[in-house]
């Protein structure tokens, strides 16, 4: 019986680090892919300021936008106000900051999300316009 347990422990010892290494490699690849797309987005935005995001051109950016919106919908207004309208958020293995900009915009009951890397002096790399306020924020 102890030989069976010993063999099982060896199998667990071998597979656990392999699974962790595979997960780290997958996250690293995803992070690299996102950063490559982000760099391409920055270059294109500078060269062609009128360029609009489209799902086929920047699928990872749009995936990030949807993840940001989903994350915000799960928060209460009190949680957001405690963070001074700057919500920390992890995605693609990066720490991001979602800044909510409300005020006198053309669309009532909507906010604009400025997404930036969580750094000492964040500057938005993308802005989502007209994010509808979740009902539980009223």
N, C-alpha and C. Protein backbone atom coordinates (compact mmCIF):
# COMPACT_ATOMS: atom_id res chain seq x y z
N UNK A 1 0.82 -1.19 0.00
CA UNK A 1 0.00 0.00 0.00
C UNK A 1 0.87 1.25 0.00
N UNK A 2 1.95 1.23 0.77
CA UNK A 2 2.82 2.41 0.83
C UNK A 2 3.52 2.63 -0.52
N UNK A 3 3.78 1.53 -1.26
CA UNK A 3 4.40 1.67 -2.58
C UNK A 3 3.46 2.39 -3.54
N UNK A 4 2.17 2.10 -3.44
CA UNK A 4 1.18 2.78 -4.30
C UNK A 4 1.14 4.26 -3.96
N UNK A 5 1.10 4.57 -2.65
CA UNK A 5 1.09 5.97 -2.22
C UNK A 5 2.35 6.69 -2.66
N UNK A 6 3.48 6.00 -2.59
CA UNK A 6 4.75 6.59 -2.99
C UNK A 6 4.75 6.92 -4.48
N UNK A 7 4.23 5.98 -5.29
CA UNK A 7 4.14 6.21 -6.74
C UNK A 7 3.19 7.36 -7.06
N UNK A 8 2.06 7.44 -6.34
CA UNK A 8 1.10 8.53 -6.55
C UNK A 8 1.73 9.87 -6.20
N UNK A 9 2.50 9.90 -5.12
CA UNK A 9 3.17 11.14 -4.72
C UNK A 9 4.18 11.58 -5.78
N UNK A 10 4.88 10.62 -6.41
CA UNK A 10 5.83 10.96 -7.46
C UNK A 10 5.10 11.54 -8.67
N UNK A 11 3.97 10.93 -9.04
CA UNK A 11 3.18 11.42 -10.17
C UNK A 11 2.70 12.84 -9.88
N UNK A 12 2.18 13.07 -8.68
CA UNK A 12 1.69 14.40 -8.30
C UNK A 12 2.85 15.40 -8.30
N UNK A 13 4.00 14.98 -7.80
CA UNK A 13 5.16 15.88 -7.75
C UNK A 13 5.64 16.25 -9.15
N UNK A 14 5.51 15.33 -10.09
CA UNK A 14 5.96 15.61 -11.46
C UNK A 14 4.95 16.48 -12.20
N UNK A 15 3.66 16.18 -12.05
CA UNK A 15 2.66 16.89 -12.84
C UNK A 15 2.35 18.29 -12.30
N UNK A 16 2.39 18.50 -11.01
CA UNK A 16 2.04 19.81 -10.46
C UNK A 16 2.97 20.91 -10.98
N UNK A 17 4.29 20.76 -10.91
CA UNK A 17 5.16 21.82 -11.46
C UNK A 17 5.01 21.98 -12.97
N UNK A 18 4.76 20.86 -13.67
CA UNK A 18 4.56 20.95 -15.11
C UNK A 18 3.31 21.76 -15.44
N UNK A 19 2.24 21.54 -14.68
CA UNK A 19 1.01 22.29 -14.91
C UNK A 19 1.22 23.76 -14.60
N UNK A 20 1.93 24.05 -13.54
CA UNK A 20 2.21 25.45 -13.17
C UNK A 20 3.06 26.10 -14.26
N UNK A 21 4.08 25.40 -14.74
CA UNK A 21 4.95 25.94 -15.80
C UNK A 21 4.14 26.18 -17.07
N UNK A 22 3.25 25.26 -17.41
CA UNK A 22 2.43 25.42 -18.62
C UNK A 22 1.49 26.62 -18.47
N UNK A 23 0.94 26.80 -17.27
CA UNK A 23 0.05 27.94 -17.02
C UNK A 23 0.82 29.25 -17.13
N UNK A 24 2.02 29.29 -16.56
CA UNK A 24 2.86 30.49 -16.63
C UNK A 24 3.22 30.80 -18.08
N UNK A 25 3.59 29.77 -18.85
CA UNK A 25 3.92 29.96 -20.26
C UNK A 25 2.73 30.49 -21.06
N UNK A 26 1.54 29.95 -20.78
CA UNK A 26 0.34 30.40 -21.49
C UNK A 26 0.03 31.86 -21.15
N UNK A 27 0.14 32.23 -19.86
CA UNK A 27 -0.11 33.61 -19.45
C UNK A 27 0.93 34.54 -20.05
N UNK A 28 2.19 34.09 -20.10
CA UNK A 28 3.25 34.91 -20.67
C UNK A 28 3.02 35.14 -22.16
N UNK A 29 2.58 34.09 -22.86
CA UNK A 29 2.29 34.22 -24.29
C UNK A 29 1.13 35.18 -24.52
N UNK A 30 0.09 35.06 -23.69
CA UNK A 30 -1.07 35.94 -23.80
C UNK A 30 -0.66 37.39 -23.54
N UNK A 31 0.18 37.61 -22.54
CA UNK A 31 0.67 38.96 -22.21
C UNK A 31 1.48 39.53 -23.38
N UNK A 32 2.37 38.71 -23.96
CA UNK A 32 3.17 39.16 -25.10
C UNK A 32 2.29 39.50 -26.30
N UNK A 33 1.29 38.65 -26.56
CA UNK A 33 0.37 38.92 -27.68
C UNK A 33 -0.38 40.22 -27.47
N UNK A 34 -0.84 40.43 -26.24
CA UNK A 34 -1.56 41.68 -25.96
C UNK A 34 -0.65 42.89 -26.12
N UNK A 35 0.57 42.81 -25.60
CA UNK A 35 1.49 43.94 -25.69
C UNK A 35 1.86 44.22 -27.14
N UNK A 36 1.99 43.18 -27.97
CA UNK A 36 2.28 43.39 -29.39
C UNK A 36 1.11 44.11 -30.06
N UNK A 37 -0.12 43.69 -29.72
CA UNK A 37 -1.30 44.34 -30.29
C UNK A 37 -1.42 45.77 -29.78
N UNK A 38 -1.12 45.97 -28.51
CA UNK A 38 -1.16 47.31 -27.92
C UNK A 38 -0.14 48.23 -28.59
N UNK A 39 1.07 47.72 -28.84
CA UNK A 39 2.09 48.52 -29.53
C UNK A 39 1.63 48.89 -30.95
N UNK A 40 1.03 47.92 -31.64
CA UNK A 40 0.51 48.18 -32.99
C UNK A 40 -0.59 49.23 -32.93
N UNK A 41 -1.46 49.12 -31.91
CA UNK A 41 -2.54 50.10 -31.73
C UNK A 41 -1.97 51.50 -31.51
N UNK A 42 -0.93 51.62 -30.64
CA UNK A 42 -0.32 52.93 -30.37
C UNK A 42 0.29 53.54 -31.63
N UNK A 43 1.02 52.72 -32.39
CA UNK A 43 1.66 53.20 -33.62
C UNK A 43 0.60 53.68 -34.61
N UNK A 44 -0.44 52.87 -34.80
CA UNK A 44 -1.50 53.24 -35.74
C UNK A 44 -2.27 54.46 -35.26
N UNK A 45 -2.51 54.57 -33.96
CA UNK A 45 -3.25 55.71 -33.42
C UNK A 45 -2.47 57.00 -33.63
N UNK A 46 -1.15 56.92 -33.52
CA UNK A 46 -0.32 58.11 -33.72
C UNK A 46 -0.25 58.47 -35.21
N UNK A 47 -0.08 57.48 -36.05
CA UNK A 47 0.03 57.73 -37.49
C UNK A 47 -1.32 58.11 -38.12
N UNK A 48 -2.39 57.49 -37.62
CA UNK A 48 -3.73 57.73 -38.15
C UNK A 48 -4.69 58.05 -37.00
N UNK A 49 -4.72 59.29 -36.52
CA UNK A 49 -5.54 59.62 -35.34
C UNK A 49 -7.03 59.34 -35.53
N UNK A 50 -7.49 59.33 -36.77
CA UNK A 50 -8.91 59.09 -37.01
C UNK A 50 -9.26 57.59 -36.99
N UNK A 51 -8.27 56.74 -36.83
CA UNK A 51 -8.47 55.29 -36.84
C UNK A 51 -9.38 54.85 -35.69
N UNK A 52 -10.34 54.02 -36.00
CA UNK A 52 -11.26 53.50 -35.00
C UNK A 52 -10.95 52.04 -34.71
N UNK A 53 -11.18 51.64 -33.45
CA UNK A 53 -11.00 50.23 -33.10
C UNK A 53 -12.10 49.40 -33.75
N UNK A 54 -11.72 48.31 -34.35
CA UNK A 54 -12.70 47.37 -34.89
C UNK A 54 -12.34 45.98 -34.38
N UNK A 55 -13.34 45.14 -34.17
CA UNK A 55 -13.07 43.81 -33.61
C UNK A 55 -12.06 43.00 -34.40
N UNK A 56 -12.09 43.11 -35.73
CA UNK A 56 -11.17 42.30 -36.52
C UNK A 56 -9.74 42.82 -36.46
N UNK A 57 -9.56 44.13 -36.20
CA UNK A 57 -8.22 44.70 -36.16
C UNK A 57 -7.55 44.52 -34.80
N UNK A 58 -8.32 44.64 -33.73
CA UNK A 58 -7.75 44.59 -32.38
C UNK A 58 -8.62 43.71 -31.46
N UNK A 59 -8.68 42.43 -31.73
CA UNK A 59 -9.57 41.58 -30.91
C UNK A 59 -9.18 41.53 -29.43
N UNK A 60 -7.90 41.60 -29.13
CA UNK A 60 -7.49 41.54 -27.73
C UNK A 60 -7.84 42.83 -26.99
N UNK A 61 -7.77 43.96 -27.67
CA UNK A 61 -8.17 45.23 -27.05
C UNK A 61 -9.66 45.18 -26.72
N UNK A 62 -10.47 44.69 -27.65
CA UNK A 62 -11.90 44.62 -27.42
C UNK A 62 -12.24 43.60 -26.33
N UNK A 63 -11.47 42.53 -26.27
CA UNK A 63 -11.65 41.56 -25.18
C UNK A 63 -11.37 42.24 -23.84
N UNK A 64 -10.33 43.08 -23.81
CA UNK A 64 -10.01 43.83 -22.60
C UNK A 64 -11.15 44.78 -22.24
N UNK A 65 -11.71 45.49 -23.22
CA UNK A 65 -12.81 46.42 -22.96
C UNK A 65 -13.99 45.68 -22.32
N UNK A 66 -14.33 44.54 -22.89
CA UNK A 66 -15.47 43.77 -22.36
C UNK A 66 -15.18 43.27 -20.95
N UNK A 67 -13.94 42.85 -20.70
CA UNK A 67 -13.56 42.39 -19.36
C UNK A 67 -13.63 43.54 -18.36
N UNK A 68 -13.23 44.74 -18.78
CA UNK A 68 -13.32 45.92 -17.90
C UNK A 68 -14.76 46.21 -17.54
N UNK A 69 -15.62 46.20 -18.55
CA UNK A 69 -17.04 46.48 -18.30
C UNK A 69 -17.64 45.43 -17.37
N UNK A 70 -17.31 44.18 -17.62
CA UNK A 70 -17.83 43.09 -16.78
C UNK A 70 -17.35 43.26 -15.34
N UNK A 71 -16.09 43.62 -15.17
CA UNK A 71 -15.54 43.82 -13.82
C UNK A 71 -16.27 44.96 -13.11
N UNK A 72 -16.49 46.06 -13.82
CA UNK A 72 -17.17 47.21 -13.21
C UNK A 72 -18.61 46.90 -12.86
N UNK A 73 -19.28 46.12 -13.70
CA UNK A 73 -20.68 45.78 -13.41
C UNK A 73 -20.82 44.96 -12.12
N UNK A 74 -19.75 44.29 -11.72
CA UNK A 74 -19.78 43.50 -10.50
C UNK A 74 -19.50 44.30 -9.25
N UNK A 75 -19.09 45.56 -9.39
CA UNK A 75 -18.78 46.41 -8.25
C UNK A 75 -19.98 47.27 -7.87
N UNK A 76 -19.99 47.69 -6.62
CA UNK A 76 -21.02 48.63 -6.19
C UNK A 76 -20.46 50.04 -6.31
N UNK A 77 -21.33 51.01 -6.30
CA UNK A 77 -20.91 52.41 -6.39
C UNK A 77 -20.04 52.78 -5.20
N UNK A 78 -20.35 52.24 -4.01
CA UNK A 78 -19.53 52.52 -2.82
C UNK A 78 -18.10 52.02 -3.00
N UNK A 79 -17.95 50.81 -3.56
CA UNK A 79 -16.61 50.26 -3.79
C UNK A 79 -15.81 51.14 -4.74
N UNK A 80 -16.47 51.64 -5.76
CA UNK A 80 -15.80 52.50 -6.74
C UNK A 80 -15.43 53.84 -6.11
N UNK A 81 -16.33 54.40 -5.33
CA UNK A 81 -16.04 55.69 -4.70
C UNK A 81 -14.92 55.57 -3.68
N UNK A 82 -14.84 54.43 -2.98
CA UNK A 82 -13.73 54.21 -2.04
C UNK A 82 -12.39 54.21 -2.77
N UNK A 83 -12.39 53.76 -4.02
CA UNK A 83 -11.16 53.73 -4.82
C UNK A 83 -10.97 55.03 -5.60
N UNK A 84 -11.79 56.05 -5.29
CA UNK A 84 -11.71 57.37 -5.91
C UNK A 84 -11.85 57.30 -7.43
N UNK A 85 -12.81 56.49 -7.87
CA UNK A 85 -13.12 56.34 -9.29
C UNK A 85 -11.96 55.82 -10.13
N UNK A 86 -10.98 55.19 -9.47
CA UNK A 86 -9.86 54.56 -10.19
C UNK A 86 -9.79 53.11 -9.72
N UNK A 87 -10.30 52.23 -10.53
CA UNK A 87 -10.44 50.82 -10.17
C UNK A 87 -9.26 50.01 -10.68
N UNK A 88 -8.56 49.35 -9.78
CA UNK A 88 -7.47 48.45 -10.18
C UNK A 88 -8.07 47.15 -10.69
N UNK A 89 -7.37 46.55 -11.64
CA UNK A 89 -7.94 45.42 -12.36
C UNK A 89 -6.80 44.66 -13.02
N UNK A 90 -6.81 43.33 -12.94
CA UNK A 90 -5.77 42.52 -13.59
C UNK A 90 -6.36 41.80 -14.78
N UNK A 91 -5.65 41.92 -15.92
CA UNK A 91 -6.07 41.20 -17.12
C UNK A 91 -4.86 41.06 -18.02
N UNK A 92 -4.78 40.00 -18.76
CA UNK A 92 -3.62 39.70 -19.61
C UNK A 92 -2.33 39.73 -18.80
N UNK A 93 -2.41 39.36 -17.53
CA UNK A 93 -1.22 39.33 -16.70
C UNK A 93 -0.66 40.70 -16.37
N UNK A 94 -1.43 41.74 -16.62
CA UNK A 94 -0.99 43.11 -16.34
C UNK A 94 -1.92 43.74 -15.32
N UNK A 95 -1.38 44.62 -14.52
CA UNK A 95 -2.20 45.39 -13.60
C UNK A 95 -2.65 46.64 -14.34
N UNK A 96 -3.97 46.82 -14.43
CA UNK A 96 -4.54 47.93 -15.18
C UNK A 96 -5.34 48.82 -14.24
N UNK A 97 -5.62 50.01 -14.71
CA UNK A 97 -6.40 50.98 -13.96
C UNK A 97 -7.54 51.44 -14.86
N UNK A 98 -8.75 51.41 -14.33
CA UNK A 98 -9.91 51.91 -15.06
C UNK A 98 -10.33 53.20 -14.38
N UNK A 99 -10.24 54.30 -15.09
CA UNK A 99 -10.64 55.60 -14.55
C UNK A 99 -12.02 55.95 -15.09
N UNK A 100 -12.94 56.23 -14.20
CA UNK A 100 -14.29 56.59 -14.63
C UNK A 100 -14.39 58.10 -14.75
N UNK A 101 -14.87 58.55 -15.88
CA UNK A 101 -15.02 59.98 -16.13
C UNK A 101 -16.51 60.25 -16.34
N UNK A 102 -17.14 60.86 -15.37
CA UNK A 102 -18.56 61.21 -15.52
C UNK A 102 -18.68 62.68 -15.85
N UNK A 103 -19.88 63.21 -15.69
CA UNK A 103 -20.04 64.65 -15.88
C UNK A 103 -20.93 65.00 -17.03
N UNK A 104 -20.67 66.17 -17.61
CA UNK A 104 -21.53 66.72 -18.65
C UNK A 104 -21.19 66.15 -20.02
N UNK A 105 -21.54 64.91 -20.21
CA UNK A 105 -21.34 64.29 -21.51
C UNK A 105 -22.66 64.25 -22.25
N UNK A 106 -22.60 63.94 -23.51
CA UNK A 106 -23.79 63.97 -24.35
C UNK A 106 -24.80 62.89 -23.96
N UNK A 107 -24.32 61.80 -23.41
CA UNK A 107 -25.21 60.68 -23.09
C UNK A 107 -25.54 60.68 -21.60
N UNK A 108 -26.81 60.83 -21.23
CA UNK A 108 -27.16 60.85 -19.81
C UNK A 108 -26.98 59.48 -19.16
N UNK A 109 -26.64 59.49 -17.88
CA UNK A 109 -26.45 58.26 -17.09
C UNK A 109 -25.40 57.33 -17.69
N UNK A 110 -24.39 57.90 -18.31
CA UNK A 110 -23.32 57.09 -18.87
C UNK A 110 -21.99 57.70 -18.49
N UNK A 111 -20.97 56.87 -18.49
CA UNK A 111 -19.62 57.33 -18.14
C UNK A 111 -18.65 56.90 -19.23
N UNK A 112 -17.48 57.46 -19.19
CA UNK A 112 -16.42 57.10 -20.12
C UNK A 112 -15.32 56.41 -19.32
N UNK A 113 -14.82 55.32 -19.83
CA UNK A 113 -13.79 54.55 -19.14
C UNK A 113 -12.45 54.83 -19.80
N UNK A 114 -11.51 55.32 -19.02
CA UNK A 114 -10.15 55.50 -19.50
C UNK A 114 -9.34 54.35 -18.94
N UNK A 115 -8.75 53.55 -19.81
CA UNK A 115 -8.01 52.37 -19.39
C UNK A 115 -6.52 52.66 -19.54
N UNK A 116 -5.76 52.41 -18.48
CA UNK A 116 -4.32 52.67 -18.51
C UNK A 116 -3.59 51.60 -17.70
N UNK A 117 -2.29 51.51 -17.89
CA UNK A 117 -1.51 50.61 -17.07
C UNK A 117 -1.38 51.21 -15.69
N UNK A 118 -1.40 50.37 -14.68
CA UNK A 118 -1.34 50.82 -13.29
C UNK A 118 0.09 51.23 -12.97
N UNK A 119 0.41 52.48 -13.25
CA UNK A 119 1.75 53.01 -13.04
C UNK A 119 1.64 54.30 -12.24
N UNK A 120 2.79 54.85 -11.87
CA UNK A 120 2.78 56.06 -11.05
C UNK A 120 2.13 57.24 -11.77
N UNK A 121 2.39 57.41 -13.05
CA UNK A 121 1.77 58.47 -13.85
C UNK A 121 1.00 57.85 -15.01
N UNK A 122 -0.20 57.33 -14.73
CA UNK A 122 -0.92 56.63 -15.81
C UNK A 122 -1.44 57.59 -16.86
N UNK A 123 -1.28 57.21 -18.10
CA UNK A 123 -1.91 57.97 -19.18
C UNK A 123 -2.75 56.97 -19.97
N UNK A 124 -4.01 57.32 -20.23
CA UNK A 124 -4.91 56.36 -20.88
C UNK A 124 -4.40 55.92 -22.24
N UNK A 125 -4.46 54.62 -22.48
CA UNK A 125 -4.12 54.13 -23.81
C UNK A 125 -5.39 53.85 -24.60
N UNK A 126 -6.52 53.82 -23.94
CA UNK A 126 -7.78 53.62 -24.64
C UNK A 126 -8.91 54.21 -23.81
N UNK A 127 -9.90 54.71 -24.47
CA UNK A 127 -11.07 55.26 -23.80
C UNK A 127 -12.31 54.62 -24.40
N UNK A 128 -13.17 54.10 -23.54
CA UNK A 128 -14.45 53.54 -24.00
C UNK A 128 -15.50 54.60 -23.71
N UNK A 129 -16.20 55.02 -24.72
CA UNK A 129 -17.22 56.05 -24.54
C UNK A 129 -18.58 55.46 -24.30
N UNK A 130 -19.35 56.14 -23.45
CA UNK A 130 -20.74 55.80 -23.25
C UNK A 130 -21.00 54.47 -22.58
N UNK A 131 -20.24 54.14 -21.52
CA UNK A 131 -20.50 52.93 -20.75
C UNK A 131 -21.75 53.18 -19.92
N UNK A 132 -22.79 52.40 -20.14
CA UNK A 132 -24.06 52.60 -19.42
C UNK A 132 -23.88 52.22 -17.96
N UNK A 133 -24.35 53.10 -17.09
CA UNK A 133 -24.25 52.84 -15.66
C UNK A 133 -25.09 51.63 -15.29
N UNK A 134 -24.53 50.69 -14.54
CA UNK A 134 -25.36 49.57 -14.07
C UNK A 134 -26.48 50.08 -13.15
N UNK A 135 -27.62 49.42 -13.17
CA UNK A 135 -28.76 49.87 -12.37
C UNK A 135 -28.47 49.89 -10.88
N UNK A 136 -27.63 48.96 -10.39
CA UNK A 136 -27.36 48.91 -8.95
C UNK A 136 -26.43 50.04 -8.50
N UNK A 137 -25.99 50.92 -9.41
CA UNK A 137 -25.19 52.08 -9.02
C UNK A 137 -26.07 53.27 -8.66
N UNK A 138 -27.37 53.21 -8.98
CA UNK A 138 -28.26 54.35 -8.69
C UNK A 138 -28.47 54.56 -7.21
